[in-house]
Amino acid sequence: MRSRSLKQTAMILCAVFVLAVFFSIGLQVVHAGHHCADRRCPICVAYSGAQFVMRILGLVAVAQALRLTSRLAPMVPDVPCCPHLLSASPVALRNRLND
């Protein structure tokens, strides 16, 4: 049940992101075709707002990707005396096997 709700949430967020991208592309097309004397016309304000939102979305995506990769990094055991040992084998634990 939980995986279904996560999938639905992911699909909704993906759809919102796609709509934001298409809205941003549409604003870029409209902004490229108009000429204004100052930057206070509604098209320029919407264009700069869309740029801000897309930059924030990109920053959040990069931050989440960095957090995910740091969480998935392989953990190397911390052995202070012998850092070259990576496993707890009988030889590494200095157990004698010649009984």
C-alpha atoms as a PDB file:
ATOM      1  CA  MET A   1       0.000   0.000   0.000  1.00  0.00           C
ATOM      2  CA  ARG A   2       2.819   2.368   0.862  1.00  0.00           C
ATOM      3  CA  SER A   3       4.627   1.766  -2.431  1.00  0.00           C
ATOM      4  CA  ARG A   4       1.441   2.650  -4.325  1.00  0.00           C
ATOM      5  CA  SER A   5       1.152   6.000  -2.547  1.00  0.00           C
ATOM      6  CA  LEU A   6       4.854   6.695  -3.134  1.00  0.00           C
ATOM      7  CA  LYS A   7       4.443   5.925  -6.824  1.00  0.00           C
ATOM      8  CA  GLN A   8       1.409   8.218  -7.042  1.00  0.00           C
ATOM      9  CA  THR A   9       3.259  11.015  -5.275  1.00  0.00           C
ATOM     10  CA  ALA A  10       6.260  10.566  -7.559  1.00  0.00           C
ATOM     11  CA  MET A  11       4.020  10.663 -10.640  1.00  0.00           C
ATOM     12  CA  ILE A  12       2.288  13.843  -9.441  1.00  0.00           C
ATOM     13  CA  LEU A  13       5.613  15.535  -8.725  1.00  0.00           C
ATOM     14  CA  CYS A  14       6.931  14.454 -12.118  1.00  0.00           C
ATOM     15  CA  ALA A  15       3.836  15.859 -13.844  1.00  0.00           C
ATOM     16  CA  VAL A  16       4.200  19.161 -11.977  1.00  0.00           C
ATOM     17  CA  PHE A  17       7.858  19.349 -12.971  1.00  0.00           C
ATOM     18  CA  VAL A  18       7.031  18.660 -16.636  1.00  0.00           C
ATOM     19  CA  LEU A  19       4.339  21.355 -16.583  1.00  0.00           C
ATOM     20  CA  ALA A  20       6.792  23.820 -15.025  1.00  0.00           C
ATOM     21  CA  VAL A  21       9.347  23.061 -17.737  1.00  0.00           C
ATOM     22  CA  PHE A  22       6.791  23.536 -20.535  1.00  0.00           C
ATOM     23  CA  PHE A  23       5.550  26.750 -18.926  1.00  0.00           C
ATOM     24  CA  SER A  24       9.129  27.996 -18.725  1.00  0.00           C
ATOM     25  CA  ILE A  25       9.766  27.125 -22.375  1.00  0.00           C
ATOM     26  CA  GLY A  26       6.567  28.928 -23.378  1.00  0.00           C
ATOM     27  CA  LEU A  27       7.629  32.014 -21.436  1.00  0.00           C
ATOM     28  CA  GLN A  28      11.019  31.966 -23.148  1.00  0.00           C
ATOM     29  CA  VAL A  29       9.352  31.883 -26.568  1.00  0.00           C
ATOM     30  CA  VAL A  30       7.011  34.753 -25.646  1.00  0.00           C
ATOM     31  CA  HIS A  31       9.831  36.749 -24.044  1.00  0.00           C
ATOM     32  CA  ALA A  32      12.050  36.367 -27.110  1.00  0.00           C
ATOM     33  CA  GLY A  33       9.372  37.886 -29.347  1.00  0.00           C
ATOM     34  CA  HIS A  34       8.513  41.053 -27.416  1.00  0.00           C
ATOM     35  CA  HIS A  35      10.322  44.355 -26.965  1.00  0.00           C
ATOM     36  CA  CYS A  36       9.898  46.429 -23.839  1.00  0.00           C
ATOM     37  CA  ALA A  37      11.615  49.554 -22.549  1.00  0.00           C
ATOM     38  CA  ASP A  38      11.841  48.504 -18.906  1.00  0.00           C
ATOM     39  CA  ARG A  39      11.891  45.188 -17.062  1.00  0.00           C
ATOM     40  CA  ARG A  40       8.549  45.743 -15.307  1.00  0.00           C
ATOM     41  CA  CYS A  41       6.188  44.440 -17.955  1.00  0.00           C
ATOM     42  CA  PRO A  42       4.189  41.316 -16.983  1.00  0.00           C
ATOM     43  CA  ILE A  43       6.042  39.109 -19.462  1.00  0.00           C
ATOM     44  CA  CYS A  44       9.474  40.056 -18.077  1.00  0.00           C
ATOM     45  CA  VAL A  45       8.302  39.605 -14.483  1.00  0.00           C
ATOM     46  CA  ALA A  46       6.859  36.155 -15.254  1.00  0.00           C
ATOM     47  CA  TYR A  47      10.007  35.223 -17.174  1.00  0.00           C
ATOM     48  CA  SER A  48      12.329  36.165 -14.319  1.00  0.00           C
ATOM     49  CA  GLY A  49      10.051  34.356 -11.844  1.00  0.00           C
ATOM     50  CA  ALA A  50      10.138  31.206 -13.976  1.00  0.00           C
ATOM     51  CA  GLN A  51      13.931  31.418 -14.159  1.00  0.00           C
ATOM     52  CA  PHE A  52      14.103  31.683 -10.372  1.00  0.00           C
ATOM     53  CA  VAL A  53      11.803  28.683  -9.868  1.00  0.00           C
ATOM     54  CA  MET A  54      13.746  26.529 -12.334  1.00  0.00           C
ATOM     55  CA  ARG A  55      17.053  27.454 -10.669  1.00  0.00           C
ATOM     56  CA  ILE A  56      15.667  26.523  -7.254  1.00  0.00           C
ATOM     57  CA  LEU A  57      14.348  23.205  -8.612  1.00  0.00           C
ATOM     58  CA  GLY A  58      17.762  22.468 -10.124  1.00  0.00           C
ATOM     59  CA  LEU A  59      19.544  23.342  -6.892  1.00  0.00           C
ATOM     60  CA  VAL A  60      17.242  21.092  -4.876  1.00  0.00           C
ATOM     61  CA  ALA A  61      17.715  18.250  -7.380  1.00  0.00           C
ATOM     62  CA  VAL A  62      21.520  18.542  -7.205  1.00  0.00           C
ATOM     63  CA  ALA A  63      21.439  18.684  -3.396  1.00  0.00           C
ATOM     64  CA  GLN A  64      19.241  15.587  -3.227  1.00  0.00           C
ATOM     65  CA  ALA A  65      21.477  13.738  -5.693  1.00  0.00           C
ATOM     66  CA  LEU A  66      24.568  14.571  -3.627  1.00  0.00           C
ATOM     67  CA  ARG A  67      22.821  13.457  -0.461  1.00  0.00           C
ATOM     68  CA  LEU A  68      21.734  10.213  -2.106  1.00  0.00           C
ATOM     69  CA  THR A  69      25.205   9.430  -3.432  1.00  0.00           C
ATOM     70  CA  SER A  70      26.832  10.159  -0.082  1.00  0.00           C
ATOM     71  CA  ARG A  71      24.343   7.878   1.631  1.00  0.00           C
ATOM     72  CA  LEU A  72      24.967   5.062  -0.859  1.00  0.00           C
ATOM     73  CA  ALA A  73      28.770   5.260  -0.700  1.00  0.00           C
ATOM     74  CA  PRO A  74      30.372   1.972   0.324  1.00  0.00           C
ATOM     75  CA  MET A  75      31.381   1.960   3.958  1.00  0.00           C
ATOM     76  CA  VAL A  76      34.959   0.921   4.720  1.00  0.00           C
ATOM     77  CA  PRO A  77      35.423  -0.388   8.255  1.00  0.00           C
ATOM     78  CA  ASP A  78      37.385   1.914  10.506  1.00  0.00           C
ATOM     79  CA  VAL A  79      40.358  -0.051  11.812  1.00  0.00           C
ATOM     80  CA  PRO A  80      42.730   2.393  13.532  1.00  0.00           C
ATOM     81  CA  CYS A  81      45.751   0.115  13.913  1.00  0.00           C
ATOM     82  CA  CYS A  82      45.724  -1.584  10.501  1.00  0.00           C
ATOM     83  CA  PRO A  83      43.882   0.417   7.827  1.00  0.00           C
ATOM     84  CA  HIS A  84      44.763  -2.087   5.093  1.00  0.00           C
ATOM     85  CA  LEU A  85      42.568  -4.812   6.618  1.00  0.00           C
ATOM     86  CA  LEU A  86      39.101  -4.801   5.117  1.00  0.00           C
ATOM     87  CA  SER A  87      37.669  -8.079   6.392  1.00  0.00           C
ATOM     88  CA  ALA A  88      37.576  -9.979   9.662  1.00  0.00           C
ATOM     89  CA  SER A  89      39.219 -13.192   8.481  1.00  0.00           C
ATOM     90  CA  PRO A  90      40.950 -15.520  10.959  1.00  0.00           C
ATOM     91  CA  VAL A  91      44.325 -14.392   9.653  1.00  0.00           C
ATOM     92  CA  ALA A  92      43.370 -10.741  10.008  1.00  0.00           C
ATOM     93  CA  LEU A  93      42.253 -11.403  13.598  1.00  0.00           C
ATOM     94  CA  ARG A  94      45.650 -13.062  14.253  1.00  0.00           C
ATOM     95  CA  ASN A  95      44.148 -16.454  15.138  1.00  0.00           C
ATOM     96  CA  ARG A  96      46.564 -19.324  14.913  1.00  0.00           C
ATOM     97  CA  LEU A  97      45.260 -22.167  12.793  1.00  0.00           C
ATOM     98  CA  ASN A  98      48.046 -24.724  13.286  1.00  0.00           C
ATOM     99  CA  ASP A  99      46.719 -26.742  16.221  1.00  0.00           C
END
